[in-house]
């Protein structure tokens, strides 16, 4: 089943996939809600779905689809290279993530891989997910220490603010630098903003 809010995209995908003897487009939907209404596990082996659509987006549809039919195999097709979109769809149970600039051969390979029970992600995507997993491992205390670093506080000042020893702060700083793969405090703070661990506050 093809799920995309652009009919021309669906037409193009159907034409491309129709060239393969073992692939057949049996259903289409223009948004997440229509996809849920249309999906039938006995008739559809795989769903190729856009991430960003008006109305019910692809992530929400994926979550609901997998909730109702846990065995549903969904391959997300998108123009988005945002870490948050990649992480969201994988967390929601997607079997793969394909960019719309992919070649025909690669798209077909991804579909066959997912259909056979595998997961399709490029090496770059796998690396990004591994990096995001490291960020997730920052404890609440480490995020507090990172925030102190953002404010330019010394280890002693951070310790006083958090009610912990300077020695403990040093250990947290070291852990933060390792987990964020940063050479120094400034780089760690920059990565903290990139990964959404730190937010710019009003007046800054």
C-alpha atoms as a PDB file:
ATOM      1  CA  UNK A   1       0.000   0.000   0.000  1.00  0.00           C
ATOM      2  CA  UNK A   2       1.256   3.454  -0.937  1.00  0.00           C
ATOM      3  CA  UNK A   3       0.496   6.277   1.491  1.00  0.00           C
ATOM      4  CA  UNK A   4       1.376   9.799   0.343  1.00  0.00           C
ATOM      5  CA  UNK A   5      -0.620  13.023   0.122  1.00  0.00           C
ATOM      6  CA  UNK A   6       0.663  13.740  -3.407  1.00  0.00           C
ATOM      7  CA  UNK A   7      -1.139  11.746  -6.084  1.00  0.00           C
ATOM      8  CA  UNK A   8       1.702  12.327  -8.572  1.00  0.00           C
ATOM      9  CA  UNK A   9       4.153  10.738  -6.130  1.00  0.00           C
ATOM     10  CA  UNK A  10       1.871   7.722  -5.723  1.00  0.00           C
ATOM     11  CA  UNK A  11       1.515   7.435  -9.485  1.00  0.00           C
ATOM     12  CA  UNK A  12       5.270   7.570  -9.926  1.00  0.00           C
ATOM     13  CA  UNK A  13       5.893   4.971  -7.245  1.00  0.00           C
ATOM     14  CA  UNK A  14       3.227   2.670  -8.695  1.00  0.00           C
ATOM     15  CA  UNK A  15       4.797   2.959 -12.149  1.00  0.00           C
ATOM     16  CA  UNK A  16       8.302   2.253 -10.837  1.00  0.00           C
ATOM     17  CA  UNK A  17       7.256  -0.680  -8.664  1.00  0.00           C
ATOM     18  CA  UNK A  18       5.063  -2.045 -11.451  1.00  0.00           C
ATOM     19  CA  UNK A  19       8.228  -2.794 -13.432  1.00  0.00           C
ATOM     20  CA  UNK A  20       9.118  -5.478 -10.877  1.00  0.00           C
ATOM     21  CA  UNK A  21       7.433  -8.849 -11.408  1.00  0.00           C
ATOM     22  CA  UNK A  22       7.260  -9.645  -7.689  1.00  0.00           C
ATOM     23  CA  UNK A  23       5.837  -6.285  -6.550  1.00  0.00           C
ATOM     24  CA  UNK A  24       2.228  -5.172  -6.869  1.00  0.00           C
ATOM     25  CA  UNK A  25       0.539  -2.028  -5.565  1.00  0.00           C
ATOM     26  CA  UNK A  26      -2.841  -3.185  -4.263  1.00  0.00           C
ATOM     27  CA  UNK A  27      -3.983  -0.080  -2.356  1.00  0.00           C
ATOM     28  CA  UNK A  28      -3.328   3.633  -1.945  1.00  0.00           C
ATOM     29  CA  UNK A  29      -4.132   6.281   0.665  1.00  0.00           C
ATOM     30  CA  UNK A  30      -3.593  10.043   0.745  1.00  0.00           C
ATOM     31  CA  UNK A  31      -3.154  10.422   4.501  1.00  0.00           C
ATOM     32  CA  UNK A  32      -2.761   8.470   7.733  1.00  0.00           C
ATOM     33  CA  UNK A  33      -6.467   8.250   8.507  1.00  0.00           C
ATOM     34  CA  UNK A  34      -7.267   6.828   5.086  1.00  0.00           C
ATOM     35  CA  UNK A  35      -4.384   4.389   5.448  1.00  0.00           C
ATOM     36  CA  UNK A  36      -5.881   2.992   8.653  1.00  0.00           C
ATOM     37  CA  UNK A  37      -9.262   2.612   6.954  1.00  0.00           C
ATOM     38  CA  UNK A  38      -7.748   0.931   3.911  1.00  0.00           C
ATOM     39  CA  UNK A  39      -5.189  -1.398   5.482  1.00  0.00           C
ATOM     40  CA  UNK A  40      -6.063  -5.095   5.442  1.00  0.00           C
ATOM     41  CA  UNK A  41      -3.418  -7.517   6.769  1.00  0.00           C
ATOM     42  CA  UNK A  42      -4.630 -10.367   4.583  1.00  0.00           C
ATOM     43  CA  UNK A  43      -4.205  -8.293   1.407  1.00  0.00           C
ATOM     44  CA  UNK A  44      -1.264  -5.991   2.141  1.00  0.00           C
ATOM     45  CA  UNK A  45       2.218  -7.322   2.897  1.00  0.00           C
ATOM     46  CA  UNK A  46       3.957  -3.961   3.245  1.00  0.00           C
ATOM     47  CA  UNK A  47       3.086  -0.286   3.632  1.00  0.00           C
ATOM     48  CA  UNK A  48       5.252   2.395   2.008  1.00  0.00           C
ATOM     49  CA  UNK A  49       4.288   5.594   3.838  1.00  0.00           C
ATOM     50  CA  UNK A  50       5.297   9.257   3.827  1.00  0.00           C
ATOM     51  CA  UNK A  51       6.309  10.760   7.179  1.00  0.00           C
ATOM     52  CA  UNK A  52       4.884  14.259   6.742  1.00  0.00           C
ATOM     53  CA  UNK A  53       1.283  14.551   5.558  1.00  0.00           C
ATOM     54  CA  UNK A  54      -1.565  16.943   6.363  1.00  0.00           C
ATOM     55  CA  UNK A  55      -4.216  15.619   8.716  1.00  0.00           C
ATOM     56  CA  UNK A  56      -2.902  12.456  10.337  1.00  0.00           C
ATOM     57  CA  UNK A  57       0.838  12.316   9.694  1.00  0.00           C
ATOM     58  CA  UNK A  58       2.859   9.221   9.002  1.00  0.00           C
ATOM     59  CA  UNK A  59       4.249   8.811  12.519  1.00  0.00           C
ATOM     60  CA  UNK A  60       0.784   8.876  14.121  1.00  0.00           C
ATOM     61  CA  UNK A  61      -0.569   6.509  11.484  1.00  0.00           C
ATOM     62  CA  UNK A  62       2.393   4.181  12.012  1.00  0.00           C
ATOM     63  CA  UNK A  63       1.803   4.121  15.778  1.00  0.00           C
ATOM     64  CA  UNK A  64      -1.903   3.320  15.361  1.00  0.00           C
ATOM     65  CA  UNK A  65      -1.294   0.806  12.598  1.00  0.00           C
ATOM     66  CA  UNK A  66       1.235  -1.109  14.699  1.00  0.00           C
ATOM     67  CA  UNK A  67      -1.041  -0.880  17.723  1.00  0.00           C
ATOM     68  CA  UNK A  68      -3.902  -2.549  15.850  1.00  0.00           C
ATOM     69  CA  UNK A  69      -1.769  -4.877  13.737  1.00  0.00           C
ATOM     70  CA  UNK A  70       1.592  -5.506  15.472  1.00  0.00           C
ATOM     71  CA  UNK A  71       2.807  -7.608  12.570  1.00  0.00           C
ATOM     72  CA  UNK A  72       2.313  -4.809  10.021  1.00  0.00           C
ATOM     73  CA  UNK A  73       5.507  -4.051   8.141  1.00  0.00           C
ATOM     74  CA  UNK A  74       5.907  -0.352   7.374  1.00  0.00           C
ATOM     75  CA  UNK A  75       8.685   1.305   5.386  1.00  0.00           C
ATOM     76  CA  UNK A  76       8.755   5.092   5.735  1.00  0.00           C
ATOM     77  CA  UNK A  77       9.469   7.158   2.616  1.00  0.00           C
ATOM     78  CA  UNK A  78      10.344  10.811   3.164  1.00  0.00           C
ATOM     79  CA  UNK A  79      12.321  13.897   2.219  1.00  0.00           C
ATOM     80  CA  UNK A  80      13.131  14.524   5.885  1.00  0.00           C
ATOM     81  CA  UNK A  81      16.662  13.885   7.122  1.00  0.00           C
ATOM     82  CA  UNK A  82      15.913  15.188  10.622  1.00  0.00           C
ATOM     83  CA  UNK A  83      17.220  13.059  13.490  1.00  0.00           C
ATOM     84  CA  UNK A  84      13.938  13.497  15.367  1.00  0.00           C
ATOM     85  CA  UNK A  85      11.901  12.061  12.474  1.00  0.00           C
ATOM     86  CA  UNK A  86      14.235   9.089  12.103  1.00  0.00           C
ATOM     87  CA  UNK A  87      14.157   8.377  15.835  1.00  0.00           C
ATOM     88  CA  UNK A  88      10.368   8.792  16.053  1.00  0.00           C
ATOM     89  CA  UNK A  89       9.554   6.340  13.278  1.00  0.00           C
ATOM     90  CA  UNK A  90      11.989   3.714  14.531  1.00  0.00           C
ATOM     91  CA  UNK A  91      10.587   4.061  18.072  1.00  0.00           C
ATOM     92  CA  UNK A  92       7.080   3.730  16.618  1.00  0.00           C
ATOM     93  CA  UNK A  93       7.958   0.420  14.962  1.00  0.00           C
ATOM     94  CA  UNK A  94       8.932   1.283  11.389  1.00  0.00           C
ATOM     95  CA  UNK A  95      10.922  -1.392   9.582  1.00  0.00           C
ATOM     96  CA  UNK A  96      12.932   1.125   7.627  1.00  0.00           C
ATOM     97  CA  UNK A  97      13.460   4.705   6.514  1.00  0.00           C
ATOM     98  CA  UNK A  98      13.989   5.638   2.867  1.00  0.00           C
ATOM     99  CA  UNK A  99      14.656   9.110   1.461  1.00  0.00           C
ATOM    100  CA  UNK A 100      12.684  10.136  -1.612  1.00  0.00           C
ATOM    101  CA  UNK A 101      15.886  10.802  -3.552  1.00  0.00           C
ATOM    102  CA  UNK A 102      16.710   7.091  -3.370  1.00  0.00           C
ATOM    103  CA  UNK A 103      17.371   5.226  -6.622  1.00  0.00           C
ATOM    104  CA  UNK A 104      14.804   2.811  -7.986  1.00  0.00           C
ATOM    105  CA  UNK A 105      17.108  -0.167  -7.377  1.00  0.00           C
ATOM    106  CA  UNK A 106      17.693   0.850  -3.760  1.00  0.00           C
ATOM    107  CA  UNK A 107      13.975   1.382  -3.114  1.00  0.00           C
ATOM    108  CA  UNK A 108      13.156  -2.052  -4.508  1.00  0.00           C
ATOM    109  CA  UNK A 109      15.946  -3.590  -2.431  1.00  0.00           C
ATOM    110  CA  UNK A 110      14.587  -1.886   0.698  1.00  0.00           C
ATOM    111  CA  UNK A 111      11.058  -3.161   0.024  1.00  0.00           C
ATOM    112  CA  UNK A 112      12.234  -6.727  -0.504  1.00  0.00           C
ATOM    113  CA  UNK A 113      14.427  -6.596   2.604  1.00  0.00           C
ATOM    114  CA  UNK A 114      11.596  -5.335   4.818  1.00  0.00           C
ATOM    115  CA  UNK A 115       9.147  -7.826   3.302  1.00  0.00           C
ATOM    116  CA  UNK A 116      11.520 -10.670   4.155  1.00  0.00           C
ATOM    117  CA  UNK A 117      11.610  -9.615   7.804  1.00  0.00           C
ATOM    118  CA  UNK A 118      14.643  -7.338   7.762  1.00  0.00           C
ATOM    119  CA  UNK A 119      15.134  -3.672   8.572  1.00  0.00           C
ATOM    120  CA  UNK A 120      16.311  -1.119   6.034  1.00  0.00           C
ATOM    121  CA  UNK A 121      18.518   1.767   7.169  1.00  0.00           C
ATOM    122  CA  UNK A 122      21.580   3.210   5.476  1.00  0.00           C
ATOM    123  CA  UNK A 123      24.910   3.011   7.298  1.00  0.00           C
ATOM    124  CA  UNK A 124      24.662   6.758   7.972  1.00  0.00           C
ATOM    125  CA  UNK A 125      21.231   6.319   9.566  1.00  0.00           C
ATOM    126  CA  UNK A 126      22.469   3.463  11.745  1.00  0.00           C
ATOM    127  CA  UNK A 127      25.332   5.692  12.909  1.00  0.00           C
ATOM    128  CA  UNK A 128      22.942   8.550  13.709  1.00  0.00           C
ATOM    129  CA  UNK A 129      20.676   6.253  15.704  1.00  0.00           C
ATOM    130  CA  UNK A 130      23.667   4.991  17.680  1.00  0.00           C
ATOM    131  CA  UNK A 131      24.669   8.584  18.426  1.00  0.00           C
ATOM    132  CA  UNK A 132      21.110   9.453  19.476  1.00  0.00           C
ATOM    133  CA  UNK A 133      21.089   6.436  21.792  1.00  0.00           C
ATOM    134  CA  UNK A 134      24.182   7.783  23.534  1.00  0.00           C
ATOM    135  CA  UNK A 135      22.463  11.123  24.052  1.00  0.00           C
ATOM    136  CA  UNK A 136      19.475   9.337  25.538  1.00  0.00           C
ATOM    137  CA  UNK A 137      21.772   7.793  28.123  1.00  0.00           C
ATOM    138  CA  UNK A 138      22.536  11.146  29.742  1.00  0.00           C
ATOM    139  CA  UNK A 139      21.073  11.062  33.239  1.00  0.00           C
ATOM    140  CA  UNK A 140      18.955  13.897  34.617  1.00  0.00           C
ATOM    141  CA  UNK A 141      21.913  14.947  36.777  1.00  0.00           C
ATOM    142  CA  UNK A 142      24.244  14.983  33.769  1.00  0.00           C
ATOM    143  CA  UNK A 143      21.816  17.228  31.902  1.00  0.00           C
ATOM    144  CA  UNK A 144      21.783  19.571  34.912  1.00  0.00           C
ATOM    145  CA  UNK A 145      25.582  19.660  34.866  1.00  0.00           C
ATOM    146  CA  UNK A 146      25.504  20.314  31.112  1.00  0.00           C
ATOM    147  CA  UNK A 147      23.166  23.231  31.754  1.00  0.00           C
ATOM    148  CA  UNK A 148      25.650  24.588  34.283  1.00  0.00           C
ATOM    149  CA  UNK A 149      28.344  24.303  31.635  1.00  0.00           C
ATOM    150  CA  UNK A 150      26.081  26.213  29.257  1.00  0.00           C
ATOM    151  CA  UNK A 151      25.886  29.043  31.786  1.00  0.00           C
ATOM    152  CA  UNK A 152      29.676  29.164  32.020  1.00  0.00           C
ATOM    153  CA  UNK A 153      29.800  27.996  35.632  1.00  0.00           C
ATOM    154  CA  UNK A 154      32.931  26.413  37.090  1.00  0.00           C
ATOM    155  CA  UNK A 155      32.803  22.890  38.504  1.00  0.00           C
ATOM    156  CA  UNK A 156      32.747  24.394  41.999  1.00  0.00           C
ATOM    157  CA  UNK A 157      29.827  26.695  41.124  1.00  0.00           C
ATOM    158  CA  UNK A 158      27.890  23.846  39.516  1.00  0.00           C
ATOM    159  CA  UNK A 159      28.472  21.736  42.624  1.00  0.00           C
ATOM    160  CA  UNK A 160      27.186  24.482  44.898  1.00  0.00           C
ATOM    161  CA  UNK A 161      24.124  25.018  42.705  1.00  0.00           C
ATOM    162  CA  UNK A 162      23.283  21.310  42.658  1.00  0.00           C
ATOM    163  CA  UNK A 163      24.368  20.509  46.199  1.00  0.00           C
ATOM    164  CA  UNK A 164      27.043  18.017  45.169  1.00  0.00           C
ATOM    165  CA  UNK A 165      30.822  17.966  45.543  1.00  0.00           C
ATOM    166  CA  UNK A 166      33.220  19.443  42.999  1.00  0.00           C
ATOM    167  CA  UNK A 167      34.745  15.970  42.590  1.00  0.00           C
ATOM    168  CA  UNK A 168      31.326  14.571  41.641  1.00  0.00           C
ATOM    169  CA  UNK A 169      30.799  17.404  39.161  1.00  0.00           C
ATOM    170  CA  UNK A 170      34.133  16.588  37.503  1.00  0.00           C
ATOM    171  CA  UNK A 171      32.999  12.973  37.072  1.00  0.00           C
ATOM    172  CA  UNK A 172      29.705  14.129  35.529  1.00  0.00           C
ATOM    173  CA  UNK A 173      31.501  16.543  33.177  1.00  0.00           C
ATOM    174  CA  UNK A 174      33.781  13.739  32.004  1.00  0.00           C
ATOM    175  CA  UNK A 175      30.769  11.473  31.367  1.00  0.00           C
ATOM    176  CA  UNK A 176      28.942  14.221  29.472  1.00  0.00           C
ATOM    177  CA  UNK A 177      31.954  14.875  27.227  1.00  0.00           C
ATOM    178  CA  UNK A 178      32.266  11.161  26.459  1.00  0.00           C
ATOM    179  CA  UNK A 179      28.577  10.600  25.756  1.00  0.00           C
ATOM    180  CA  UNK A 180      28.314  13.663  23.532  1.00  0.00           C
ATOM    181  CA  UNK A 181      31.650  12.804  21.880  1.00  0.00           C
ATOM    182  CA  UNK A 182      32.934  16.304  22.613  1.00  0.00           C
ATOM    183  CA  UNK A 183      36.511  17.501  23.030  1.00  0.00           C
ATOM    184  CA  UNK A 184      35.655  20.296  25.456  1.00  0.00           C
ATOM    185  CA  UNK A 185      32.846  22.008  27.362  1.00  0.00           C
ATOM    186  CA  UNK A 186      31.966  24.402  24.525  1.00  0.00           C
ATOM    187  CA  UNK A 187      31.528  21.557  22.051  1.00  0.00           C
ATOM    188  CA  UNK A 188      29.440  19.615  24.573  1.00  0.00           C
ATOM    189  CA  UNK A 189      27.138  22.613  25.030  1.00  0.00           C
ATOM    190  CA  UNK A 190      26.815  23.031  21.257  1.00  0.00           C
ATOM    191  CA  UNK A 191      25.923  19.350  20.881  1.00  0.00           C
ATOM    192  CA  UNK A 192      23.496  19.692  23.772  1.00  0.00           C
ATOM    193  CA  UNK A 193      21.579  22.317  21.807  1.00  0.00           C
ATOM    194  CA  UNK A 194      21.786  20.261  18.593  1.00  0.00           C
ATOM    195  CA  UNK A 195      20.315  17.216  20.328  1.00  0.00           C
ATOM    196  CA  UNK A 196      17.587  19.130  22.135  1.00  0.00           C
ATOM    197  CA  UNK A 197      19.041  18.555  25.610  1.00  0.00           C
ATOM    198  CA  UNK A 198      19.408  22.297  26.106  1.00  0.00           C
ATOM    199  CA  UNK A 199      16.902  24.993  25.239  1.00  0.00           C
ATOM    200  CA  UNK A 200      17.488  28.710  24.783  1.00  0.00           C
ATOM    201  CA  UNK A 201      15.785  30.554  27.601  1.00  0.00           C
ATOM    202  CA  UNK A 202      13.889  33.841  27.388  1.00  0.00           C
ATOM    203  CA  UNK A 203      16.253  36.808  27.561  1.00  0.00           C
ATOM    204  CA  UNK A 204      19.269  34.846  26.302  1.00  0.00           C
END
